[in-house]
C-alpha atoms as a PDB file:
ATOM      1  CA  UNK A   1      -5.459 202.751 160.977  1.00  0.00           C
ATOM      2  CA  UNK A   2      -4.633 205.505 158.464  1.00  0.00           C
ATOM      3  CA  UNK A   3      -1.027 206.553 157.929  1.00  0.00           C
ATOM      4  CA  UNK A   4       1.087 208.351 155.365  1.00  0.00           C
ATOM      5  CA  UNK A   5       4.698 207.654 154.449  1.00  0.00           C
ATOM      6  CA  UNK A   6       6.962 210.697 154.249  1.00  0.00           C
ATOM      7  CA  UNK A   7      10.370 210.903 152.590  1.00  0.00           C
ATOM      8  CA  UNK A   8      12.494 213.976 153.239  1.00  0.00           C
ATOM      9  CA  UNK A   9      15.792 215.355 152.059  1.00  0.00           C
ATOM     10  CA  UNK A  10      17.025 217.810 154.674  1.00  0.00           C
ATOM     11  CA  UNK A  11      19.948 220.264 154.325  1.00  0.00           C
ATOM     12  CA  UNK A  12      22.762 219.393 156.749  1.00  0.00           C
ATOM     13  CA  UNK A  13      22.271 222.478 158.914  1.00  0.00           C
ATOM     14  CA  UNK A  14      18.576 221.646 159.438  1.00  0.00           C
ATOM     15  CA  UNK A  15      18.946 217.891 159.882  1.00  0.00           C
ATOM     16  CA  UNK A  16      19.408 217.705 163.658  1.00  0.00           C
ATOM     17  CA  UNK A  17      16.540 220.087 164.398  1.00  0.00           C
ATOM     18  CA  UNK A  18      14.183 218.369 161.961  1.00  0.00           C
ATOM     19  CA  UNK A  19      14.948 214.882 163.235  1.00  0.00           C
ATOM     20  CA  UNK A  20      14.447 216.133 166.794  1.00  0.00           C
ATOM     21  CA  UNK A  21      11.025 217.533 165.882  1.00  0.00           C
ATOM     22  CA  UNK A  22       9.998 214.227 164.320  1.00  0.00           C
ATOM     23  CA  UNK A  23      11.408 212.191 167.211  1.00  0.00           C
ATOM     24  CA  UNK A  24       9.409 214.208 169.742  1.00  0.00           C
ATOM     25  CA  UNK A  25       6.137 213.697 167.854  1.00  0.00           C
ATOM     26  CA  UNK A  26       4.108 210.820 169.327  1.00  0.00           C
ATOM     27  CA  UNK A  27       2.308 210.324 166.015  1.00  0.00           C
ATOM     28  CA  UNK A  28       5.509 209.689 164.040  1.00  0.00           C
ATOM     29  CA  UNK A  29       6.689 206.092 163.702  1.00  0.00           C
ATOM     30  CA  UNK A  30       9.379 204.072 161.918  1.00  0.00           C
ATOM     31  CA  UNK A  31      11.714 207.064 161.779  1.00  0.00           C
ATOM     32  CA  UNK A  32      14.919 206.419 159.820  1.00  0.00           C
ATOM     33  CA  UNK A  33      17.676 209.013 159.361  1.00  0.00           C
ATOM     34  CA  UNK A  34      20.609 208.566 156.951  1.00  0.00           C
ATOM     35  CA  UNK A  35      23.072 211.478 157.213  1.00  0.00           C
ATOM     36  CA  UNK A  36      24.566 212.707 153.911  1.00  0.00           C
ATOM     37  CA  UNK A  37      22.880 209.875 151.995  1.00  0.00           C
ATOM     38  CA  UNK A  38      20.778 211.982 149.626  1.00  0.00           C
ATOM     39  CA  UNK A  39      21.781 213.629 146.347  1.00  0.00           C
ATOM     40  CA  UNK A  40      19.964 216.194 144.214  1.00  0.00           C
ATOM     41  CA  UNK A  41      19.340 217.858 146.567  1.00  0.00           C
ATOM     42  CA  UNK A  42      22.194 216.871 148.849  1.00  0.00           C
ATOM     43  CA  UNK A  43      21.517 216.279 152.497  1.00  0.00           C
ATOM     44  CA  UNK A  44      20.208 213.869 155.089  1.00  0.00           C
ATOM     45  CA  UNK A  45      17.658 211.319 153.888  1.00  0.00           C
ATOM     46  CA  UNK A  46      14.833 210.787 156.370  1.00  0.00           C
ATOM     47  CA  UNK A  47      11.859 208.446 156.181  1.00  0.00           C
ATOM     48  CA  UNK A  48       8.982 208.054 158.593  1.00  0.00           C
ATOM     49  CA  UNK A  49       5.325 207.128 158.884  1.00  0.00           C
ATOM     50  CA  UNK A  50       2.830 209.592 160.333  1.00  0.00           C
ATOM     51  CA  UNK A  51      -0.694 208.955 161.567  1.00  0.00           C
ATOM     52  CA  UNK A  52      -2.945 210.659 159.022  1.00  0.00           C
ATOM     53  CA  UNK A  53      -4.938 212.483 161.678  1.00  0.00           C
ATOM     54  CA  UNK A  54      -1.786 214.252 162.895  1.00  0.00           C
ATOM     55  CA  UNK A  55      -0.274 214.844 159.455  1.00  0.00           C
ATOM     56  CA  UNK A  56      -1.494 218.446 159.138  1.00  0.00           C
ATOM     57  CA  UNK A  57       0.294 219.546 162.312  1.00  0.00           C
ATOM     58  CA  UNK A  58       3.461 217.548 161.593  1.00  0.00           C
ATOM     59  CA  UNK A  59       3.756 218.713 157.994  1.00  0.00           C
ATOM     60  CA  UNK A  60       3.085 222.253 159.179  1.00  0.00           C
ATOM     61  CA  UNK A  61       6.032 222.051 161.572  1.00  0.00           C
ATOM     62  CA  UNK A  62       8.270 220.700 158.802  1.00  0.00           C
ATOM     63  CA  UNK A  63       7.258 223.515 156.482  1.00  0.00           C
ATOM     64  CA  UNK A  64       7.837 225.955 159.331  1.00  0.00           C
ATOM     65  CA  UNK A  65      11.466 224.798 159.302  1.00  0.00           C
ATOM     66  CA  UNK A  66      11.580 225.526 155.526  1.00  0.00           C
ATOM     67  CA  UNK A  67      12.520 221.910 154.773  1.00  0.00           C
ATOM     68  CA  UNK A  68      10.639 221.917 151.450  1.00  0.00           C
ATOM     69  CA  UNK A  69      12.257 225.189 150.336  1.00  0.00           C
ATOM     70  CA  UNK A  70      15.833 223.958 150.677  1.00  0.00           C
ATOM     71  CA  UNK A  71      15.252 220.216 150.464  1.00  0.00           C
ATOM     72  CA  UNK A  72      12.164 218.195 149.640  1.00  0.00           C
ATOM     73  CA  UNK A  73       9.137 216.543 151.209  1.00  0.00           C
ATOM     74  CA  UNK A  74       7.442 213.636 149.430  1.00  0.00           C
ATOM     75  CA  UNK A  75       4.204 212.195 150.816  1.00  0.00           C
ATOM     76  CA  UNK A  76       2.912 208.761 149.848  1.00  0.00           C
ATOM     77  CA  UNK A  77      -0.290 206.987 150.917  1.00  0.00           C
ATOM     78  CA  UNK A  78      -0.029 203.811 152.967  1.00  0.00           C
ATOM     79  CA  UNK A  79      -2.497 201.157 151.841  1.00  0.00           C
ATOM     80  CA  UNK A  80      -2.126 199.018 154.951  1.00  0.00           C
ATOM     81  CA  UNK A  81      -0.292 199.471 158.245  1.00  0.00           C
ATOM     82  CA  UNK A  82      -0.118 196.998 161.130  1.00  0.00           C
ATOM     83  CA  UNK A  83       1.314 198.453 164.320  1.00  0.00           C
ATOM     84  CA  UNK A  84       0.088 197.972 167.853  1.00  0.00           C
ATOM     85  CA  UNK A  85       1.855 201.086 169.253  1.00  0.00           C
ATOM     86  CA  UNK A  86       0.576 203.264 166.388  1.00  0.00           C
ATOM     87  CA  UNK A  87      -2.984 201.990 166.808  1.00  0.00           C
ATOM     88  CA  UNK A  88      -2.843 202.734 170.536  1.00  0.00           C
ATOM     89  CA  UNK A  89      -1.590 206.290 169.977  1.00  0.00           C
ATOM     90  CA  UNK A  90      -4.245 206.867 167.326  1.00  0.00           C
ATOM     91  CA  UNK A  91      -6.963 205.741 169.724  1.00  0.00           C
ATOM     92  CA  UNK A  92      -5.741 207.653 172.772  1.00  0.00           C
ATOM     93  CA  UNK A  93      -4.432 210.842 171.160  1.00  0.00           C
ATOM     94  CA  UNK A  94      -6.337 211.511 167.968  1.00  0.00           C
ATOM     95  CA  UNK A  95      -9.884 210.284 168.463  1.00  0.00           C
ATOM     96  CA  UNK A  96     -12.130 211.875 165.809  1.00  0.00           C
ATOM     97  CA  UNK A  97      -9.085 213.605 164.298  1.00  0.00           C
ATOM     98  CA  UNK A  98      -7.892 210.242 162.985  1.00  0.00           C
ATOM     99  CA  UNK A  99     -10.134 210.792 159.933  1.00  0.00           C
ATOM    100  CA  UNK A 100      -9.139 214.412 159.329  1.00  0.00           C
ATOM    101  CA  UNK A 101      -8.227 215.262 155.713  1.00  0.00           C
ATOM    102  CA  UNK A 102      -4.611 216.093 154.924  1.00  0.00           C
ATOM    103  CA  UNK A 103      -4.948 219.597 153.533  1.00  0.00           C
ATOM    104  CA  UNK A 104      -1.655 219.605 151.625  1.00  0.00           C
ATOM    105  CA  UNK A 105      -2.861 216.480 149.830  1.00  0.00           C
ATOM    106  CA  UNK A 106      -6.256 218.058 149.121  1.00  0.00           C
ATOM    107  CA  UNK A 107      -4.651 221.163 147.644  1.00  0.00           C
ATOM    108  CA  UNK A 108      -2.286 219.050 145.567  1.00  0.00           C
ATOM    109  CA  UNK A 109      -5.270 217.122 144.206  1.00  0.00           C
ATOM    110  CA  UNK A 110      -7.082 220.338 143.280  1.00  0.00           C
ATOM    111  CA  UNK A 111      -3.901 221.794 141.752  1.00  0.00           C
ATOM    112  CA  UNK A 112      -3.573 218.695 139.579  1.00  0.00           C
ATOM    113  CA  UNK A 113      -7.162 219.121 138.365  1.00  0.00           C
ATOM    114  CA  UNK A 114      -6.544 222.809 137.717  1.00  0.00           C
ATOM    115  CA  UNK A 115      -4.074 222.286 134.878  1.00  0.00           C
ATOM    116  CA  UNK A 116      -5.381 223.186 131.456  1.00  0.00           C
ATOM    117  CA  UNK A 117      -3.710 221.063 128.826  1.00  0.00           C
ATOM    118  CA  UNK A 118      -5.090 220.893 125.266  1.00  0.00           C
ATOM    119  CA  UNK A 119      -7.014 217.779 126.324  1.00  0.00           C
ATOM    120  CA  UNK A 120      -9.062 219.944 128.729  1.00  0.00           C
ATOM    121  CA  UNK A 121     -10.499 221.904 125.810  1.00  0.00           C
ATOM    122  CA  UNK A 122     -10.827 218.804 123.654  1.00  0.00           C
ATOM    123  CA  UNK A 123     -12.879 217.055 126.343  1.00  0.00           C
ATOM    124  CA  UNK A 124     -15.142 220.087 126.674  1.00  0.00           C
ATOM    125  CA  UNK A 125     -15.749 220.240 122.925  1.00  0.00           C
ATOM    126  CA  UNK A 126     -16.463 216.501 122.715  1.00  0.00           C
ATOM    127  CA  UNK A 127     -18.703 216.642 125.781  1.00  0.00           C
ATOM    128  CA  UNK A 128     -20.607 219.519 124.191  1.00  0.00           C
ATOM    129  CA  UNK A 129     -21.206 217.558 120.975  1.00  0.00           C
ATOM    130  CA  UNK A 130     -22.329 214.477 122.921  1.00  0.00           C
ATOM    131  CA  UNK A 131     -24.683 216.741 124.863  1.00  0.00           C
ATOM    132  CA  UNK A 132     -26.049 218.243 121.657  1.00  0.00           C
ATOM    133  CA  UNK A 133     -26.851 214.770 120.323  1.00  0.00           C
ATOM    134  CA  UNK A 134     -28.651 214.039 123.592  1.00  0.00           C
ATOM    135  CA  UNK A 135     -30.664 217.260 123.282  1.00  0.00           C
ATOM    136  CA  UNK A 136     -31.611 216.732 119.645  1.00  0.00           C
ATOM    137  CA  UNK A 137     -32.599 213.078 120.178  1.00  0.00           C
ATOM    138  CA  UNK A 138     -34.110 213.694 123.645  1.00  0.00           C
ATOM    139  CA  UNK A 139     -31.716 211.119 125.144  1.00  0.00           C
ATOM    140  CA  UNK A 140     -31.099 211.579 128.858  1.00  0.00           C
ATOM    141  CA  UNK A 141     -28.428 208.879 128.759  1.00  0.00           C
ATOM    142  CA  UNK A 142     -26.309 210.940 126.366  1.00  0.00           C
ATOM    143  CA  UNK A 143     -26.770 214.019 128.576  1.00  0.00           C
ATOM    144  CA  UNK A 144     -25.373 212.036 131.510  1.00  0.00           C
ATOM    145  CA  UNK A 145     -22.495 210.839 129.314  1.00  0.00           C
ATOM    146  CA  UNK A 146     -21.699 214.443 128.366  1.00  0.00           C
ATOM    147  CA  UNK A 147     -21.644 215.432 132.051  1.00  0.00           C
ATOM    148  CA  UNK A 148     -19.193 212.653 132.857  1.00  0.00           C
ATOM    149  CA  UNK A 149     -16.841 213.540 129.983  1.00  0.00           C
ATOM    150  CA  UNK A 150     -16.738 217.261 130.843  1.00  0.00           C
ATOM    151  CA  UNK A 151     -13.633 218.263 132.878  1.00  0.00           C
ATOM    152  CA  UNK A 152     -14.887 221.702 133.956  1.00  0.00           C
ATOM    153  CA  UNK A 153     -15.297 220.863 137.649  1.00  0.00           C
ATOM    154  CA  UNK A 154     -11.522 220.785 138.071  1.00  0.00           C
ATOM    155  CA  UNK A 155     -11.312 224.398 136.913  1.00  0.00           C
ATOM    156  CA  UNK A 156     -14.201 225.391 139.177  1.00  0.00           C
ATOM    157  CA  UNK A 157     -12.594 223.888 142.294  1.00  0.00           C
ATOM    158  CA  UNK A 158      -9.268 225.459 141.331  1.00  0.00           C
ATOM    159  CA  UNK A 159     -10.936 228.886 141.254  1.00  0.00           C
ATOM    160  CA  UNK A 160     -12.520 228.220 144.661  1.00  0.00           C
ATOM    161  CA  UNK A 161      -9.116 227.264 146.089  1.00  0.00           C
ATOM    162  CA  UNK A 162      -7.573 230.364 144.514  1.00  0.00           C
ATOM    163  CA  UNK A 163     -10.206 232.524 146.221  1.00  0.00           C
ATOM    164  CA  UNK A 164      -9.608 230.755 149.541  1.00  0.00           C
ATOM    165  CA  UNK A 165      -5.827 231.273 149.272  1.00  0.00           C
ATOM    166  CA  UNK A 166      -6.052 234.736 147.677  1.00  0.00           C
ATOM    167  CA  UNK A 167      -4.183 233.417 144.641  1.00  0.00           C
ATOM    168  CA  UNK A 168      -5.114 235.789 141.817  1.00  0.00           C
ATOM    169  CA  UNK A 169      -3.092 233.853 139.226  1.00  0.00           C
ATOM    170  CA  UNK A 170      -5.013 230.635 139.860  1.00  0.00           C
ATOM    171  CA  UNK A 171      -8.328 232.502 139.796  1.00  0.00           C
ATOM    172  CA  UNK A 172      -7.473 234.217 136.523  1.00  0.00           C
ATOM    173  CA  UNK A 173      -6.234 231.007 134.890  1.00  0.00           C
ATOM    174  CA  UNK A 174      -9.344 229.090 135.946  1.00  0.00           C
ATOM    175  CA  UNK A 175     -11.777 231.748 134.731  1.00  0.00           C
ATOM    176  CA  UNK A 176      -9.947 232.051 131.422  1.00  0.00           C
ATOM    177  CA  UNK A 177      -9.957 228.260 130.968  1.00  0.00           C
ATOM    178  CA  UNK A 178     -13.704 228.129 131.627  1.00  0.00           C
ATOM    179  CA  UNK A 179     -14.370 231.021 129.255  1.00  0.00           C
ATOM    180  CA  UNK A 180     -12.300 229.558 126.424  1.00  0.00           C
ATOM    181  CA  UNK A 181     -13.428 225.985 127.079  1.00  0.00           C
ATOM    182  CA  UNK A 182     -17.153 226.696 127.157  1.00  0.00           C
ATOM    183  CA  UNK A 183     -16.858 229.044 124.182  1.00  0.00           C
ATOM    184  CA  UNK A 184     -15.229 226.227 122.255  1.00  0.00           C
ATOM    185  CA  UNK A 185     -17.946 223.799 123.397  1.00  0.00           C
ATOM    186  CA  UNK A 186     -20.711 226.193 122.304  1.00  0.00           C
ATOM    187  CA  UNK A 187     -19.080 226.801 118.909  1.00  0.00           C
ATOM    188  CA  UNK A 188     -18.542 223.060 118.362  1.00  0.00           C
ATOM    189  CA  UNK A 189     -22.161 222.232 119.204  1.00  0.00           C
ATOM    190  CA  UNK A 190     -23.414 225.140 117.097  1.00  0.00           C
ATOM    191  CA  UNK A 191     -21.502 223.953 114.027  1.00  0.00           C
ATOM    192  CA  UNK A 192     -22.551 220.348 114.598  1.00  0.00           C
ATOM    193  CA  UNK A 193     -26.192 221.381 115.017  1.00  0.00           C
ATOM    194  CA  UNK A 194     -26.049 223.499 111.860  1.00  0.00           C
ATOM    195  CA  UNK A 195     -24.829 220.417 110.003  1.00  0.00           C
ATOM    196  CA  UNK A 196     -27.682 218.346 111.432  1.00  0.00           C
ATOM    197  CA  UNK A 197     -30.210 221.028 110.485  1.00  0.00           C
ATOM    198  CA  UNK A 198     -28.758 221.480 107.015  1.00  0.00           C
ATOM    199  CA  UNK A 199     -28.946 217.761 106.308  1.00  0.00           C
ATOM    200  CA  UNK A 200     -32.379 217.446 107.905  1.00  0.00           C
ATOM    201  CA  UNK A 201     -31.237 214.771 110.330  1.00  0.00           C
ATOM    202  CA  UNK A 202     -33.107 216.055 113.377  1.00  0.00           C
ATOM    203  CA  UNK A 203     -35.940 213.798 114.625  1.00  0.00           C
ATOM    204  CA  UNK A 204     -39.507 214.803 113.834  1.00  0.00           C
ATOM    205  CA  UNK A 205     -40.297 215.287 117.523  1.00  0.00           C
ATOM    206  CA  UNK A 206     -37.508 217.840 117.861  1.00  0.00           C
ATOM    207  CA  UNK A 207     -38.743 219.703 114.757  1.00  0.00           C
ATOM    208  CA  UNK A 208     -42.257 219.823 116.237  1.00  0.00           C
ATOM    209  CA  UNK A 209     -40.900 221.375 119.434  1.00  0.00           C
ATOM    210  CA  UNK A 210     -41.175 218.259 121.589  1.00  0.00           C
ATOM    211  CA  UNK A 211     -37.936 218.789 123.512  1.00  0.00           C
ATOM    212  CA  UNK A 212     -38.286 217.609 127.129  1.00  0.00           C
ATOM    213  CA  UNK A 213     -34.517 217.362 127.669  1.00  0.00           C
ATOM    214  CA  UNK A 214     -33.874 220.827 126.265  1.00  0.00           C
ATOM    215  CA  UNK A 215     -36.743 222.345 128.268  1.00  0.00           C
ATOM    216  CA  UNK A 216     -35.290 220.957 131.476  1.00  0.00           C
ATOM    217  CA  UNK A 217     -31.862 222.443 130.706  1.00  0.00           C
ATOM    218  CA  UNK A 218     -32.857 225.933 129.557  1.00  0.00           C
ATOM    219  CA  UNK A 219     -35.249 226.660 132.425  1.00  0.00           C
ATOM    220  CA  UNK A 220     -33.216 227.599 135.530  1.00  0.00           C
ATOM    221  CA  UNK A 221     -35.292 227.570 138.700  1.00  0.00           C
ATOM    222  CA  UNK A 222     -35.174 227.045 142.440  1.00  0.00           C
ATOM    223  CA  UNK A 223     -34.546 223.324 142.101  1.00  0.00           C
ATOM    224  CA  UNK A 224     -31.533 223.729 139.786  1.00  0.00           C
ATOM    225  CA  UNK A 225     -30.115 226.211 142.333  1.00  0.00           C
ATOM    226  CA  UNK A 226     -30.583 223.742 145.205  1.00  0.00           C
ATOM    227  CA  UNK A 227     -28.946 220.929 143.208  1.00  0.00           C
ATOM    228  CA  UNK A 228     -25.974 223.163 142.370  1.00  0.00           C
ATOM    229  CA  UNK A 229     -25.508 224.110 146.039  1.00  0.00           C
ATOM    230  CA  UNK A 230     -25.660 220.510 147.245  1.00  0.00           C
ATOM    231  CA  UNK A 231     -23.413 219.313 144.428  1.00  0.00           C
ATOM    232  CA  UNK A 232     -20.869 221.995 145.318  1.00  0.00           C
ATOM    233  CA  UNK A 233     -20.741 220.807 148.935  1.00  0.00           C
ATOM    234  CA  UNK A 234     -20.518 217.135 147.979  1.00  0.00           C
ATOM    235  CA  UNK A 235     -17.857 217.869 145.356  1.00  0.00           C
ATOM    236  CA  UNK A 236     -15.448 219.539 147.782  1.00  0.00           C
ATOM    237  CA  UNK A 237     -16.085 217.029 150.574  1.00  0.00           C
ATOM    238  CA  UNK A 238     -15.500 214.138 148.173  1.00  0.00           C
ATOM    239  CA  UNK A 239     -12.216 215.728 147.101  1.00  0.00           C
ATOM    240  CA  UNK A 240     -11.065 216.081 150.702  1.00  0.00           C
ATOM    241  CA  UNK A 241     -12.064 212.493 151.486  1.00  0.00           C
ATOM    242  CA  UNK A 242     -10.826 211.096 148.124  1.00  0.00           C
ATOM    243  CA  UNK A 243     -14.300 209.705 147.390  1.00  0.00           C
ATOM    244  CA  UNK A 244     -14.275 209.297 143.621  1.00  0.00           C
ATOM    245  CA  UNK A 245     -17.730 207.694 143.522  1.00  0.00           C
ATOM    246  CA  UNK A 246     -19.299 210.719 145.197  1.00  0.00           C
ATOM    247  CA  UNK A 247     -17.381 213.053 142.901  1.00  0.00           C
ATOM    248  CA  UNK A 248     -18.759 211.197 139.886  1.00  0.00           C
ATOM    249  CA  UNK A 249     -22.228 211.894 141.241  1.00  0.00           C
ATOM    250  CA  UNK A 250     -21.427 215.604 141.172  1.00  0.00           C
ATOM    251  CA  UNK A 251     -20.432 215.389 137.513  1.00  0.00           C
ATOM    252  CA  UNK A 252     -23.815 213.940 136.557  1.00  0.00           C
ATOM    253  CA  UNK A 253     -25.946 216.279 138.673  1.00  0.00           C
ATOM    254  CA  UNK A 254     -24.862 219.757 137.591  1.00  0.00           C
ATOM    255  CA  UNK A 255     -26.110 221.351 134.382  1.00  0.00           C
ATOM    256  CA  UNK A 256     -22.975 222.989 132.980  1.00  0.00           C
ATOM    257  CA  UNK A 257     -21.990 221.025 129.867  1.00  0.00           C
ATOM    258  CA  UNK A 258     -25.644 220.370 128.915  1.00  0.00           C
ATOM    259  CA  UNK A 259     -26.368 224.101 129.203  1.00  0.00           C
ATOM    260  CA  UNK A 260     -23.406 224.964 126.981  1.00  0.00           C
ATOM    261  CA  UNK A 261     -24.543 222.349 124.469  1.00  0.00           C
ATOM    262  CA  UNK A 262     -28.100 223.696 124.491  1.00  0.00           C
ATOM    263  CA  UNK A 263     -26.828 227.212 123.735  1.00  0.00           C
ATOM    264  CA  UNK A 264     -25.218 225.930 120.541  1.00  0.00           C
ATOM    265  CA  UNK A 265     -28.195 223.761 119.564  1.00  0.00           C
ATOM    266  CA  UNK A 266     -30.753 226.509 120.249  1.00  0.00           C
ATOM    267  CA  UNK A 267     -28.803 229.103 118.269  1.00  0.00           C
ATOM    268  CA  UNK A 268     -28.421 226.707 115.335  1.00  0.00           C
ATOM    269  CA  UNK A 269     -32.197 226.109 115.285  1.00  0.00           C
ATOM    270  CA  UNK A 270     -32.985 229.830 115.835  1.00  0.00           C
ATOM    271  CA  UNK A 271     -34.446 229.241 119.314  1.00  0.00           C
ATOM    272  CA  UNK A 272     -32.839 232.281 120.906  1.00  0.00           C
ATOM    273  CA  UNK A 273     -35.117 232.432 123.956  1.00  0.00           C
ATOM    274  CA  UNK A 274     -34.032 228.908 124.887  1.00  0.00           C
ATOM    275  CA  UNK A 275     -30.411 229.886 124.258  1.00  0.00           C
ATOM    276  CA  UNK A 276     -30.718 232.754 126.737  1.00  0.00           C
ATOM    277  CA  UNK A 277     -32.230 230.401 129.316  1.00  0.00           C
ATOM    278  CA  UNK A 278     -29.378 227.945 128.864  1.00  0.00           C
ATOM    279  CA  UNK A 279     -26.802 230.737 129.183  1.00  0.00           C
ATOM    280  CA  UNK A 280     -28.406 231.819 132.460  1.00  0.00           C
ATOM    281  CA  UNK A 281     -28.398 228.189 133.631  1.00  0.00           C
ATOM    282  CA  UNK A 282     -24.706 227.836 132.787  1.00  0.00           C
ATOM    283  CA  UNK A 283     -23.674 231.059 134.542  1.00  0.00           C
ATOM    284  CA  UNK A 284     -25.850 230.252 137.569  1.00  0.00           C
ATOM    285  CA  UNK A 285     -24.337 226.801 138.024  1.00  0.00           C
ATOM    286  CA  UNK A 286     -20.743 227.970 137.632  1.00  0.00           C
ATOM    287  CA  UNK A 287     -21.220 230.871 140.056  1.00  0.00           C
ATOM    288  CA  UNK A 288     -22.959 228.716 142.667  1.00  0.00           C
ATOM    289  CA  UNK A 289     -20.340 225.961 142.437  1.00  0.00           C
ATOM    290  CA  UNK A 290     -17.484 228.453 142.882  1.00  0.00           C
ATOM    291  CA  UNK A 291     -19.117 230.214 145.854  1.00  0.00           C
ATOM    292  CA  UNK A 292     -20.165 226.983 147.572  1.00  0.00           C
ATOM    293  CA  UNK A 293     -16.731 225.491 146.887  1.00  0.00           C
ATOM    294  CA  UNK A 294     -15.082 228.503 148.517  1.00  0.00           C
ATOM    295  CA  UNK A 295     -17.383 228.286 151.544  1.00  0.00           C
ATOM    296  CA  UNK A 296     -16.806 224.544 151.947  1.00  0.00           C
ATOM    297  CA  UNK A 297     -13.031 224.816 151.543  1.00  0.00           C
ATOM    298  CA  UNK A 298     -12.994 227.555 154.195  1.00  0.00           C
ATOM    299  CA  UNK A 299     -15.358 225.846 156.614  1.00  0.00           C
ATOM    300  CA  UNK A 300     -13.835 222.367 156.651  1.00  0.00           C
ATOM    301  CA  UNK A 301     -10.392 223.297 158.049  1.00  0.00           C
ATOM    302  CA  UNK A 302     -12.069 225.508 160.675  1.00  0.00           C
ATOM    303  CA  UNK A 303     -14.318 222.640 161.764  1.00  0.00           C
ATOM    304  CA  UNK A 304     -11.413 220.190 162.002  1.00  0.00           C
ATOM    305  CA  UNK A 305      -9.314 222.742 163.936  1.00  0.00           C
ATOM    306  CA  UNK A 306     -12.152 223.090 166.424  1.00  0.00           C
ATOM    307  CA  UNK A 307     -12.392 219.306 166.781  1.00  0.00           C
ATOM    308  CA  UNK A 308      -8.607 219.193 167.302  1.00  0.00           C
ATOM    309  CA  UNK A 309      -8.712 221.861 170.018  1.00  0.00           C
ATOM    310  CA  UNK A 310     -11.520 220.084 171.837  1.00  0.00           C
ATOM    311  CA  UNK A 311      -9.618 216.802 171.687  1.00  0.00           C
ATOM    312  CA  UNK A 312      -6.435 218.455 172.948  1.00  0.00           C
ATOM    313  CA  UNK A 313      -8.274 220.034 175.906  1.00  0.00           C
ATOM    314  CA  UNK A 314      -9.937 216.734 176.751  1.00  0.00           C
ATOM    315  CA  UNK A 315      -6.584 214.934 176.537  1.00  0.00           C
ATOM    316  CA  UNK A 316      -4.945 217.476 178.883  1.00  0.00           C
ATOM    317  CA  UNK A 317      -7.619 216.859 181.498  1.00  0.00           C
END
């Protein structure tokens, strides 16, 4: 049984109406109301547990009362809940909706990933250098490591959410972060590769043009497009379902950081044709991930709303 715990501070003039809304909701349990008990903001302190499958509708009603604008709403996950009445309501009322994502939580998770602190750019630069070492030494393990270190997927999903919500500020911030971050990664790998070339540290195989890892990265094709599409779908679904293991798989399947690293390496070794291929690979992957992310973020709520309507009609019969 999946539940969330909700703590609210409600302005006095909204308290009675809000408590009445929660009391009338069959999917709300363990409701506690403490009038005038809260400070900063002042008001009525309310706590309750809500079945996760009904959380979208219940939180929507609370936001419709403007509780969060004049008070506050805090949502916490519940690791374990044991309640016979709640389990019965979940079975009879929610059905398939019991596993529906909580969209406010999903958006909060994407918002958190879409913050661009200095560490965001530092991670990109370090990931680029790790990727360049993997390219020069033909080490696939280091390429995977670079993919895992890179934080760019948070910016990509933030842009997709901005497009879905028509939030131009979020879109602009995400695109700027990607532009600056990947530029920094390319410059860092270029300078590092120049140092390697100047000191003659590159392996003989790389000097002779035996570069299987680089060739895979700088040659965008149908298969890289398919992988980007599938990774975009899995990435958004894993975010909505809080599946970190699946999200990690996305990080190590999309050629963004390796492509940026290969641009720097190829330019440093005067392989400009390969650099152009890597640039195309990078732009292709970013564009596909954003578009697929937008489509998935738009489709999922529509699908769950349809499931909810079908369940409601069946329950009325």
